[in-house]
Amino acid sequence: PGSRADPPEEAERIVIGSWNLEWFFDANQADNQSPLAKQQSAPSQQDWTWKRDAVADVIGTIAPTIMALQEVENREVLVELTRQIKQKYGLSYRYAFINGYDSYTEQDVGYIFRADLVRFSRQEQTREMYNSKTYFNLSKHLFARFQWGKGENTESLTLVNVHLRAGEKAQPLRERQCRLIRHWVDPLLARGENVVVLGDLNASHDCEQTQVDGDIGILCQDKLAGTGKVLLDLHMRLDPDQRATHLIGRQFDRILVSQS
């Protein structure tokens, strides 16, 4: 008796979401510089309050462990969002946000989460990488590492929340952005770690038409073996009539997960 360890308690279910909020900008234009950001700001405080509370209702109902958000204006809108969720649903969320460099739209990405974040950061190219023209900077991205358990039972997860360049003309730049993401996550994948790349990838093709040399193909394919995938597109698990992520019917937003 006592020679065998008691079975571990069932792990808490972890729910991860990704949501492109499409111009989640408040009504205050004093902190906006670009004409586009001013134009896309909420027309009035009443309009902003309505949108903020509607988003809070969805998140409060789902109660995710982690929610990656795109097209947010700044840290303040995340503060207001988490405050509203707490007030109405009694759920405590923290937020992770670092200013990006998109001065044209002033859009950014961020996270809200319940607990267990151990690190978050932005990453940049070296000068040699930049001069090679192989990669292209991500003006809007945020790494977040979460960790659960302790000792030999420790499990970690790295999320990469991105908003890539949009449009057909930006396809070559978007592919270079995807090469940069793979450069960053390949060491993690090689160690068998849990990795999720998610957000507004502005994918050029629908999931069933993804090309090996296209943006999503570059993110998913095994570069060394030339076959197979190191990241799996969860869109393929959705029913075809549930795959559109934009009102025009396109599948711009994706969640890609490592084999583990």
C-alpha atoms as a PDB file:
ATOM      1  CA  PRO A   1       0.000   0.000   0.000  1.00  0.00           C
ATOM      2  CA  GLY A   2       1.243   3.469  -0.828  1.00  0.00           C
ATOM      3  CA  SER A   3       3.685   2.218  -3.445  1.00  0.00           C
ATOM      4  CA  ARG A   4       1.576   3.600  -6.265  1.00  0.00           C
ATOM      5  CA  ALA A   5       0.881   7.307  -6.661  1.00  0.00           C
ATOM      6  CA  ASP A   6      -2.693   8.453  -6.444  1.00  0.00           C
ATOM      7  CA  PRO A   7      -4.137   9.176  -9.911  1.00  0.00           C
ATOM      8  CA  PRO A   8      -3.914  12.845 -10.821  1.00  0.00           C
ATOM      9  CA  GLU A   9      -7.078  14.867 -10.670  1.00  0.00           C
ATOM     10  CA  GLU A  10      -8.705  15.526 -14.007  1.00  0.00           C
ATOM     11  CA  ALA A  11      -7.089  18.565 -15.568  1.00  0.00           C
ATOM     12  CA  GLU A  12      -9.150  21.703 -15.907  1.00  0.00           C
ATOM     13  CA  ARG A  13     -10.556  22.065 -19.397  1.00  0.00           C
ATOM     14  CA  ILE A  14      -8.709  24.745 -21.358  1.00  0.00           C
ATOM     15  CA  VAL A  15     -10.725  26.670 -23.946  1.00  0.00           C
ATOM     16  CA  ILE A  16      -8.856  28.842 -26.456  1.00  0.00           C
ATOM     17  CA  GLY A  17     -10.616  31.262 -28.762  1.00  0.00           C
ATOM     18  CA  SER A  18      -9.651  33.691 -31.509  1.00  0.00           C
ATOM     19  CA  TRP A  19     -11.835  36.606 -32.586  1.00  0.00           C
ATOM     20  CA  ASN A  20     -11.255  39.336 -35.130  1.00  0.00           C
ATOM     21  CA  LEU A  21     -13.359  42.139 -33.635  1.00  0.00           C
ATOM     22  CA  GLU A  22     -13.110  44.323 -36.755  1.00  0.00           C
ATOM     23  CA  TRP A  23     -12.307  47.893 -35.685  1.00  0.00           C
ATOM     24  CA  PHE A  24     -12.738  47.477 -31.936  1.00  0.00           C
ATOM     25  CA  PHE A  25     -12.093  51.207 -31.475  1.00  0.00           C
ATOM     26  CA  ASP A  26     -13.662  53.426 -28.834  1.00  0.00           C
ATOM     27  CA  ALA A  27     -15.182  56.863 -29.500  1.00  0.00           C
ATOM     28  CA  ASN A  28     -12.160  58.809 -28.251  1.00  0.00           C
ATOM     29  CA  GLN A  29     -10.198  60.077 -31.278  1.00  0.00           C
ATOM     30  CA  ALA A  30      -7.714  62.097 -29.233  1.00  0.00           C
ATOM     31  CA  ASP A  31      -5.301  59.153 -29.191  1.00  0.00           C
ATOM     32  CA  ASN A  32      -5.615  58.439 -32.933  1.00  0.00           C
ATOM     33  CA  GLN A  33      -3.217  59.937 -35.478  1.00  0.00           C
ATOM     34  CA  SER A  34      -4.173  58.424 -38.829  1.00  0.00           C
ATOM     35  CA  PRO A  35      -7.246  59.613 -40.776  1.00  0.00           C
ATOM     36  CA  LEU A  36      -8.352  55.992 -41.227  1.00  0.00           C
ATOM     37  CA  ALA A  37      -8.244  55.268 -37.489  1.00  0.00           C
ATOM     38  CA  LYS A  38     -10.272  58.389 -36.776  1.00  0.00           C
ATOM     39  CA  GLN A  39     -12.793  57.459 -39.465  1.00  0.00           C
ATOM     40  CA  GLN A  40     -13.225  53.904 -38.131  1.00  0.00           C
ATOM     41  CA  SER A  41     -13.544  54.892 -34.475  1.00  0.00           C
ATOM     42  CA  ALA A  42     -16.941  54.396 -32.877  1.00  0.00           C
ATOM     43  CA  PRO A  43     -19.232  57.274 -33.991  1.00  0.00           C
ATOM     44  CA  SER A  44     -20.329  58.001 -30.427  1.00  0.00           C
ATOM     45  CA  GLN A  45     -19.861  56.850 -26.856  1.00  0.00           C
ATOM     46  CA  GLN A  46     -23.208  55.097 -27.077  1.00  0.00           C
ATOM     47  CA  ASP A  47     -22.093  53.136 -30.143  1.00  0.00           C
ATOM     48  CA  TRP A  48     -18.846  52.137 -28.446  1.00  0.00           C
ATOM     49  CA  THR A  49     -20.630  51.031 -25.279  1.00  0.00           C
ATOM     50  CA  TRP A  50     -23.037  48.912 -27.338  1.00  0.00           C
ATOM     51  CA  LYS A  51     -20.211  47.138 -29.202  1.00  0.00           C
ATOM     52  CA  ARG A  52     -18.063  46.649 -26.099  1.00  0.00           C
ATOM     53  CA  ASP A  53     -20.980  45.146 -24.162  1.00  0.00           C
ATOM     54  CA  ALA A  54     -22.022  42.917 -27.070  1.00  0.00           C
ATOM     55  CA  VAL A  55     -18.482  41.495 -27.289  1.00  0.00           C
ATOM     56  CA  ALA A  56     -18.421  41.052 -23.500  1.00  0.00           C
ATOM     57  CA  ASP A  57     -21.694  39.103 -23.692  1.00  0.00           C
ATOM     58  CA  VAL A  58     -20.257  36.606 -26.173  1.00  0.00           C
ATOM     59  CA  ILE A  59     -17.013  36.108 -24.247  1.00  0.00           C
ATOM     60  CA  GLY A  60     -18.815  36.006 -20.899  1.00  0.00           C
ATOM     61  CA  THR A  61     -21.130  33.292 -22.213  1.00  0.00           C
ATOM     62  CA  ILE A  62     -18.324  31.150 -23.677  1.00  0.00           C
ATOM     63  CA  ALA A  63     -16.008  31.827 -20.697  1.00  0.00           C
ATOM     64  CA  PRO A  64     -12.804  30.858 -22.541  1.00  0.00           C
ATOM     65  CA  THR A  65      -9.535  30.297 -20.701  1.00  0.00           C
ATOM     66  CA  ILE A  66      -7.722  32.391 -23.305  1.00  0.00           C
ATOM     67  CA  MET A  67      -9.099  34.633 -26.051  1.00  0.00           C
ATOM     68  CA  ALA A  68      -6.824  36.022 -28.750  1.00  0.00           C
ATOM     69  CA  LEU A  69      -8.216  39.233 -30.231  1.00  0.00           C
ATOM     70  CA  GLN A  70      -7.406  41.123 -33.427  1.00  0.00           C
ATOM     71  CA  GLU A  71      -8.207  44.635 -34.670  1.00  0.00           C
ATOM     72  CA  VAL A  72      -8.234  46.112 -31.182  1.00  0.00           C
ATOM     73  CA  GLU A  73      -7.307  49.764 -30.825  1.00  0.00           C
ATOM     74  CA  ASN A  74      -5.171  49.814 -27.689  1.00  0.00           C
ATOM     75  CA  ARG A  75      -4.765  48.618 -24.115  1.00  0.00           C
ATOM     76  CA  GLU A  76      -7.652  50.782 -22.884  1.00  0.00           C
ATOM     77  CA  VAL A  77     -10.306  48.939 -24.909  1.00  0.00           C
ATOM     78  CA  LEU A  78      -9.119  45.655 -23.386  1.00  0.00           C
ATOM     79  CA  VAL A  79      -9.320  47.198 -19.914  1.00  0.00           C
ATOM     80  CA  GLU A  80     -12.913  48.241 -20.557  1.00  0.00           C
ATOM     81  CA  LEU A  81     -13.793  44.849 -22.039  1.00  0.00           C
ATOM     82  CA  THR A  82     -12.427  42.862 -19.093  1.00  0.00           C
ATOM     83  CA  ARG A  83     -14.114  45.237 -16.660  1.00  0.00           C
ATOM     84  CA  GLN A  84     -17.500  44.722 -18.345  1.00  0.00           C
ATOM     85  CA  ILE A  85     -17.087  40.916 -18.339  1.00  0.00           C
ATOM     86  CA  LYS A  86     -16.253  41.014 -14.639  1.00  0.00           C
ATOM     87  CA  GLN A  87     -19.179  43.294 -13.822  1.00  0.00           C
ATOM     88  CA  LYS A  88     -21.817  41.306 -15.711  1.00  0.00           C
ATOM     89  CA  TYR A  89     -20.527  37.727 -15.564  1.00  0.00           C
ATOM     90  CA  GLY A  90     -18.297  37.688 -12.497  1.00  0.00           C
ATOM     91  CA  LEU A  91     -15.367  36.350 -14.553  1.00  0.00           C
ATOM     92  CA  SER A  92     -11.940  37.833 -13.894  1.00  0.00           C
ATOM     93  CA  TYR A  93      -9.775  38.325 -16.964  1.00  0.00           C
ATOM     94  CA  ARG A  94      -6.337  39.860 -17.270  1.00  0.00           C
ATOM     95  CA  TYR A  95      -4.971  41.221 -20.533  1.00  0.00           C
ATOM     96  CA  ALA A  96      -1.707  41.120 -22.483  1.00  0.00           C
ATOM     97  CA  PHE A  97      -0.927  43.877 -24.955  1.00  0.00           C
ATOM     98  CA  ILE A  98       2.150  45.468 -26.549  1.00  0.00           C
ATOM     99  CA  ASN A  99       1.893  48.339 -29.009  1.00  0.00           C
ATOM    100  CA  GLY A 100       2.584  47.315 -32.587  1.00  0.00           C
ATOM    101  CA  TYR A 101       3.777  49.428 -35.504  1.00  0.00           C
ATOM    102  CA  ASP A 102       0.804  49.713 -37.854  1.00  0.00           C
ATOM    103  CA  SER A 103       0.557  53.484 -38.094  1.00  0.00           C
ATOM    104  CA  TYR A 104      -1.841  53.332 -41.062  1.00  0.00           C
ATOM    105  CA  THR A 105      -4.758  51.506 -39.421  1.00  0.00           C
ATOM    106  CA  GLU A 106      -3.548  51.708 -35.787  1.00  0.00           C
ATOM    107  CA  GLN A 107      -5.053  48.235 -35.330  1.00  0.00           C
ATOM    108  CA  ASP A 108      -3.373  45.813 -32.952  1.00  0.00           C
ATOM    109  CA  VAL A 109      -3.673  42.364 -31.398  1.00  0.00           C
ATOM    110  CA  GLY A 110      -3.922  41.259 -27.775  1.00  0.00           C
ATOM    111  CA  TYR A 111      -5.086  38.583 -25.369  1.00  0.00           C
ATOM    112  CA  ILE A 112      -7.455  38.347 -22.473  1.00  0.00           C
ATOM    113  CA  PHE A 113      -6.964  35.329 -20.221  1.00  0.00           C
ATOM    114  CA  ARG A 114      -8.056  33.851 -16.901  1.00  0.00           C
ATOM    115  CA  ALA A 115      -4.617  32.893 -15.498  1.00  0.00           C
ATOM    116  CA  ASP A 116      -1.368  30.967 -16.081  1.00  0.00           C
ATOM    117  CA  LEU A 117       0.399  33.381 -18.463  1.00  0.00           C
ATOM    118  CA  VAL A 118       4.139  33.247 -17.762  1.00  0.00           C
ATOM    119  CA  ARG A 119       5.530  35.372 -20.606  1.00  0.00           C
ATOM    120  CA  PHE A 120       4.429  37.550 -23.530  1.00  0.00           C
ATOM    121  CA  SER A 121       6.510  39.390 -26.110  1.00  0.00           C
ATOM    122  CA  ARG A 122       7.012  40.727 -29.601  1.00  0.00           C
ATOM    123  CA  GLN A 123       9.883  39.513 -31.796  1.00  0.00           C
ATOM    124  CA  GLU A 124      11.931  41.110 -34.555  1.00  0.00           C
ATOM    125  CA  GLN A 125      14.287  40.093 -37.354  1.00  0.00           C
ATOM    126  CA  THR A 126      18.047  40.350 -37.226  1.00  0.00           C
ATOM    127  CA  ARG A 127      19.712  42.714 -39.701  1.00  0.00           C
ATOM    128  CA  GLU A 128      20.945  39.739 -41.725  1.00  0.00           C
ATOM    129  CA  MET A 129      17.434  38.340 -41.965  1.00  0.00           C
ATOM    130  CA  TYR A 130      16.067  41.695 -43.047  1.00  0.00           C
ATOM    131  CA  ASN A 131      18.754  42.119 -45.742  1.00  0.00           C
ATOM    132  CA  SER A 132      18.055  38.639 -47.118  1.00  0.00           C
ATOM    133  CA  LYS A 133      14.541  39.760 -48.232  1.00  0.00           C
ATOM    134  CA  THR A 134      13.321  36.295 -47.244  1.00  0.00           C
ATOM    135  CA  TYR A 135      11.149  37.649 -44.451  1.00  0.00           C
ATOM    136  CA  PHE A 136       8.841  40.596 -43.840  1.00  0.00           C
ATOM    137  CA  ASN A 137       8.149  42.201 -40.469  1.00  0.00           C
ATOM    138  CA  LEU A 138       4.892  41.601 -38.624  1.00  0.00           C
ATOM    139  CA  SER A 139       3.629  44.966 -37.449  1.00  0.00           C
ATOM    140  CA  LYS A 140       0.837  43.276 -35.457  1.00  0.00           C
ATOM    141  CA  HIS A 141       1.703  40.138 -33.491  1.00  0.00           C
ATOM    142  CA  LEU A 142       2.042  38.919 -29.920  1.00  0.00           C
ATOM    143  CA  PHE A 143       3.618  35.776 -28.481  1.00  0.00           C
ATOM    144  CA  ALA A 144       2.154  34.403 -25.246  1.00  0.00           C
ATOM    145  CA  ARG A 145       3.391  31.421 -23.256  1.00  0.00           C
ATOM    146  CA  PHE A 146       1.111  29.675 -20.771  1.00  0.00           C
ATOM    147  CA  GLN A 147       2.085  26.994 -18.283  1.00  0.00           C
ATOM    148  CA  TRP A 148       0.185  24.513 -16.126  1.00  0.00           C
ATOM    149  CA  GLY A 149       1.244  21.969 -13.521  1.00  0.00           C
ATOM    150  CA  LYS A 150       4.646  21.539 -11.893  1.00  0.00           C
ATOM    151  CA  GLY A 151       7.693  19.324 -12.026  1.00  0.00           C
ATOM    152  CA  GLU A 152       7.422  16.440 -14.463  1.00  0.00           C
ATOM    153  CA  ASN A 153       3.742  17.221 -14.942  1.00  0.00           C
ATOM    154  CA  THR A 154       4.398  20.708 -16.328  1.00  0.00           C
ATOM    155  CA  GLU A 155       2.694  21.446 -19.643  1.00  0.00           C
ATOM    156  CA  SER A 156       3.228  24.612 -21.646  1.00  0.00           C
ATOM    157  CA  LEU A 157       1.615  26.243 -24.652  1.00  0.00           C
ATOM    158  CA  THR A 158       2.904  29.004 -26.924  1.00  0.00           C
ATOM    159  CA  LEU A 159       0.334  31.091 -28.792  1.00  0.00           C
ATOM    160  CA  VAL A 160       1.271  33.358 -31.693  1.00  0.00           C
ATOM    161  CA  ASN A 161      -1.500  35.891 -32.325  1.00  0.00           C
ATOM    162  CA  VAL A 162      -1.022  37.593 -35.706  1.00  0.00           C
ATOM    163  CA  HIS A 163      -2.708  39.955 -38.132  1.00  0.00           C
ATOM    164  CA  LEU A 164      -0.993  39.625 -41.508  1.00  0.00           C
ATOM    165  CA  ARG A 165      -0.970  41.936 -44.512  1.00  0.00           C
ATOM    166  CA  ALA A 166      -4.247  41.925 -46.428  1.00  0.00           C
ATOM    167  CA  GLY A 167      -5.152  41.771 -50.103  1.00  0.00           C
ATOM    168  CA  GLU A 168      -4.089  40.098 -53.312  1.00  0.00           C
ATOM    169  CA  LYS A 169      -1.288  42.579 -54.012  1.00  0.00           C
ATOM    170  CA  ALA A 170       0.204  41.892 -50.581  1.00  0.00           C
ATOM    171  CA  GLN A 171       0.427  38.128 -51.218  1.00  0.00           C
ATOM    172  CA  PRO A 172       4.255  38.105 -51.644  1.00  0.00           C
ATOM    173  CA  LEU A 173       4.681  40.123 -48.443  1.00  0.00           C
ATOM    174  CA  ARG A 174       2.265  37.860 -46.566  1.00  0.00           C
ATOM    175  CA  GLU A 175       4.234  34.791 -47.652  1.00  0.00           C
ATOM    176  CA  ARG A 176       7.424  36.387 -46.321  1.00  0.00           C
ATOM    177  CA  GLN A 177       5.595  37.117 -43.051  1.00  0.00           C
ATOM    178  CA  CYS A 178       4.655  33.431 -42.847  1.00  0.00           C
ATOM    179  CA  ARG A 179       8.296  32.428 -43.353  1.00  0.00           C
ATOM    180  CA  LEU A 180       9.203  34.695 -40.449  1.00  0.00           C
ATOM    181  CA  ILE A 181       6.585  33.075 -38.204  1.00  0.00           C
ATOM    182  CA  ARG A 182       7.955  29.635 -39.093  1.00  0.00           C
ATOM    183  CA  HIS A 183      11.503  30.837 -38.368  1.00  0.00           C
ATOM    184  CA  TRP A 184      10.313  31.807 -34.883  1.00  0.00           C
ATOM    185  CA  VAL A 185       8.262  28.697 -34.071  1.00  0.00           C
ATOM    186  CA  ASP A 186      10.364  25.986 -35.749  1.00  0.00           C
ATOM    187  CA  PRO A 187      12.673  25.572 -32.717  1.00  0.00           C
ATOM    188  CA  LEU A 188       9.585  25.059 -30.533  1.00  0.00           C
ATOM    189  CA  LEU A 189       8.095  22.549 -32.980  1.00  0.00           C
ATOM    190  CA  ALA A 190      11.414  20.683 -33.190  1.00  0.00           C
ATOM    191  CA  ARG A 191      11.266  20.165 -29.424  1.00  0.00           C
ATOM    192  CA  GLY A 192       7.736  18.804 -29.692  1.00  0.00           C
ATOM    193  CA  GLU A 193       6.210  21.740 -27.836  1.00  0.00           C
ATOM    194  CA  ASN A 194       2.576  22.800 -28.025  1.00  0.00           C
ATOM    195  CA  VAL A 195       2.203  25.702 -30.465  1.00  0.00           C
ATOM    196  CA  VAL A 196      -0.845  27.508 -31.823  1.00  0.00           C
ATOM    197  CA  VAL A 197      -0.657  30.162 -34.567  1.00  0.00           C
ATOM    198  CA  LEU A 198      -3.952  32.005 -34.810  1.00  0.00           C
ATOM    199  CA  GLY A 199      -5.616  35.242 -35.799  1.00  0.00           C
ATOM    200  CA  ASP A 200      -6.344  37.215 -38.943  1.00  0.00           C
ATOM    201  CA  LEU A 201      -4.014  35.478 -41.373  1.00  0.00           C
ATOM    202  CA  ASN A 202      -5.813  37.077 -44.346  1.00  0.00           C
ATOM    203  CA  ALA A 203      -5.508  33.658 -45.970  1.00  0.00           C
ATOM    204  CA  SER A 204      -5.390  33.833 -49.752  1.00  0.00           C
ATOM    205  CA  HIS A 205      -7.190  30.499 -50.297  1.00  0.00           C
ATOM    206  CA  ASP A 206      -9.968  28.588 -48.572  1.00  0.00           C
ATOM    207  CA  CYS A 207      -8.729  25.725 -46.397  1.00  0.00           C
ATOM    208  CA  GLU A 208      -9.528  22.950 -48.876  1.00  0.00           C
ATOM    209  CA  GLN A 209      -7.621  24.881 -51.586  1.00  0.00           C
ATOM    210  CA  THR A 210      -4.525  25.764 -49.532  1.00  0.00           C
ATOM    211  CA  GLN A 211      -1.390  25.660 -51.663  1.00  0.00           C
ATOM    212  CA  VAL A 212       1.980  24.415 -50.459  1.00  0.00           C
ATOM    213  CA  ASP A 213       3.728  27.589 -51.607  1.00  0.00           C
ATOM    214  CA  GLY A 214       0.976  29.972 -50.464  1.00  0.00           C
ATOM    215  CA  ASP A 215       0.731  31.764 -47.132  1.00  0.00           C
ATOM    216  CA  ILE A 216      -1.066  29.049 -45.120  1.00  0.00           C
ATOM    217  CA  GLY A 217       0.880  26.350 -46.963  1.00  0.00           C
ATOM    218  CA  ILE A 218       4.169  27.931 -45.871  1.00  0.00           C
ATOM    219  CA  LEU A 219       2.950  27.992 -42.274  1.00  0.00           C
ATOM    220  CA  CYS A 220       1.748  24.390 -42.270  1.00  0.00           C
ATOM    221  CA  GLN A 221       4.110  22.350 -44.445  1.00  0.00           C
ATOM    222  CA  ASP A 222       7.134  20.418 -43.195  1.00  0.00           C
ATOM    223  CA  LYS A 223       9.971  22.340 -44.872  1.00  0.00           C
ATOM    224  CA  LEU A 224      12.606  19.653 -44.300  1.00  0.00           C
ATOM    225  CA  ALA A 225      10.667  16.550 -45.301  1.00  0.00           C
ATOM    226  CA  GLY A 226       8.739  18.332 -48.043  1.00  0.00           C
ATOM    227  CA  THR A 227       5.672  16.291 -47.165  1.00  0.00           C
ATOM    228  CA  GLY A 228       3.255  16.235 -44.288  1.00  0.00           C
ATOM    229  CA  LYS A 229       2.348  19.131 -42.027  1.00  0.00           C
ATOM    230  CA  VAL A 230       3.865  20.470 -38.847  1.00  0.00           C
ATOM    231  CA  LEU A 231       0.857  22.698 -38.191  1.00  0.00           C
ATOM    232  CA  LEU A 232      -2.726  21.550 -38.727  1.00  0.00           C
ATOM    233  CA  ASP A 233      -5.441  23.899 -39.976  1.00  0.00           C
ATOM    234  CA  LEU A 234      -8.444  23.383 -37.680  1.00  0.00           C
ATOM    235  CA  HIS A 235     -10.669  24.902 -40.343  1.00  0.00           C
ATOM    236  CA  MET A 236     -10.704  21.471 -41.983  1.00  0.00           C
ATOM    237  CA  ARG A 237     -12.574  20.184 -38.908  1.00  0.00           C
ATOM    238  CA  LEU A 238     -15.446  22.595 -39.466  1.00  0.00           C
ATOM    239  CA  ASP A 239     -18.460  21.808 -41.594  1.00  0.00           C
ATOM    240  CA  PRO A 240     -18.067  23.571 -44.965  1.00  0.00           C
ATOM    241  CA  ASP A 241     -21.010  25.869 -44.262  1.00  0.00           C
ATOM    242  CA  GLN A 242     -19.334  27.020 -41.014  1.00  0.00           C
ATOM    243  CA  ARG A 243     -15.948  28.001 -42.464  1.00  0.00           C
ATOM    244  CA  ALA A 244     -16.523  31.616 -43.520  1.00  0.00           C
ATOM    245  CA  THR A 245     -14.946  34.084 -41.092  1.00  0.00           C
ATOM    246  CA  HIS A 246     -15.916  37.245 -42.985  1.00  0.00           C
ATOM    247  CA  LEU A 247     -19.229  38.581 -44.250  1.00  0.00           C
ATOM    248  CA  ILE A 248     -18.051  38.193 -47.859  1.00  0.00           C
ATOM    249  CA  GLY A 249     -17.725  34.445 -47.293  1.00  0.00           C
ATOM    250  CA  ARG A 250     -13.925  34.214 -47.172  1.00  0.00           C
ATOM    251  CA  GLN A 251     -11.879  32.200 -44.683  1.00  0.00           C
ATOM    252  CA  PHE A 252      -9.374  34.884 -43.706  1.00  0.00           C
ATOM    253  CA  ASP A 253      -9.034  33.918 -40.027  1.00  0.00           C
ATOM    254  CA  ARG A 254      -7.524  30.590 -38.974  1.00  0.00           C
ATOM    255  CA  ILE A 255      -6.318  28.532 -36.012  1.00  0.00           C
ATOM    256  CA  LEU A 256      -3.277  26.358 -36.757  1.00  0.00           C
ATOM    257  CA  VAL A 257      -2.070  23.865 -34.142  1.00  0.00           C
ATOM    258  CA  SER A 258       1.059  21.743 -33.722  1.00  0.00           C
ATOM    259  CA  GLN A 259       0.848  17.957 -33.978  1.00  0.00           C
ATOM    260  CA  SER A 260       1.150  17.669 -30.194  1.00  0.00           C
END
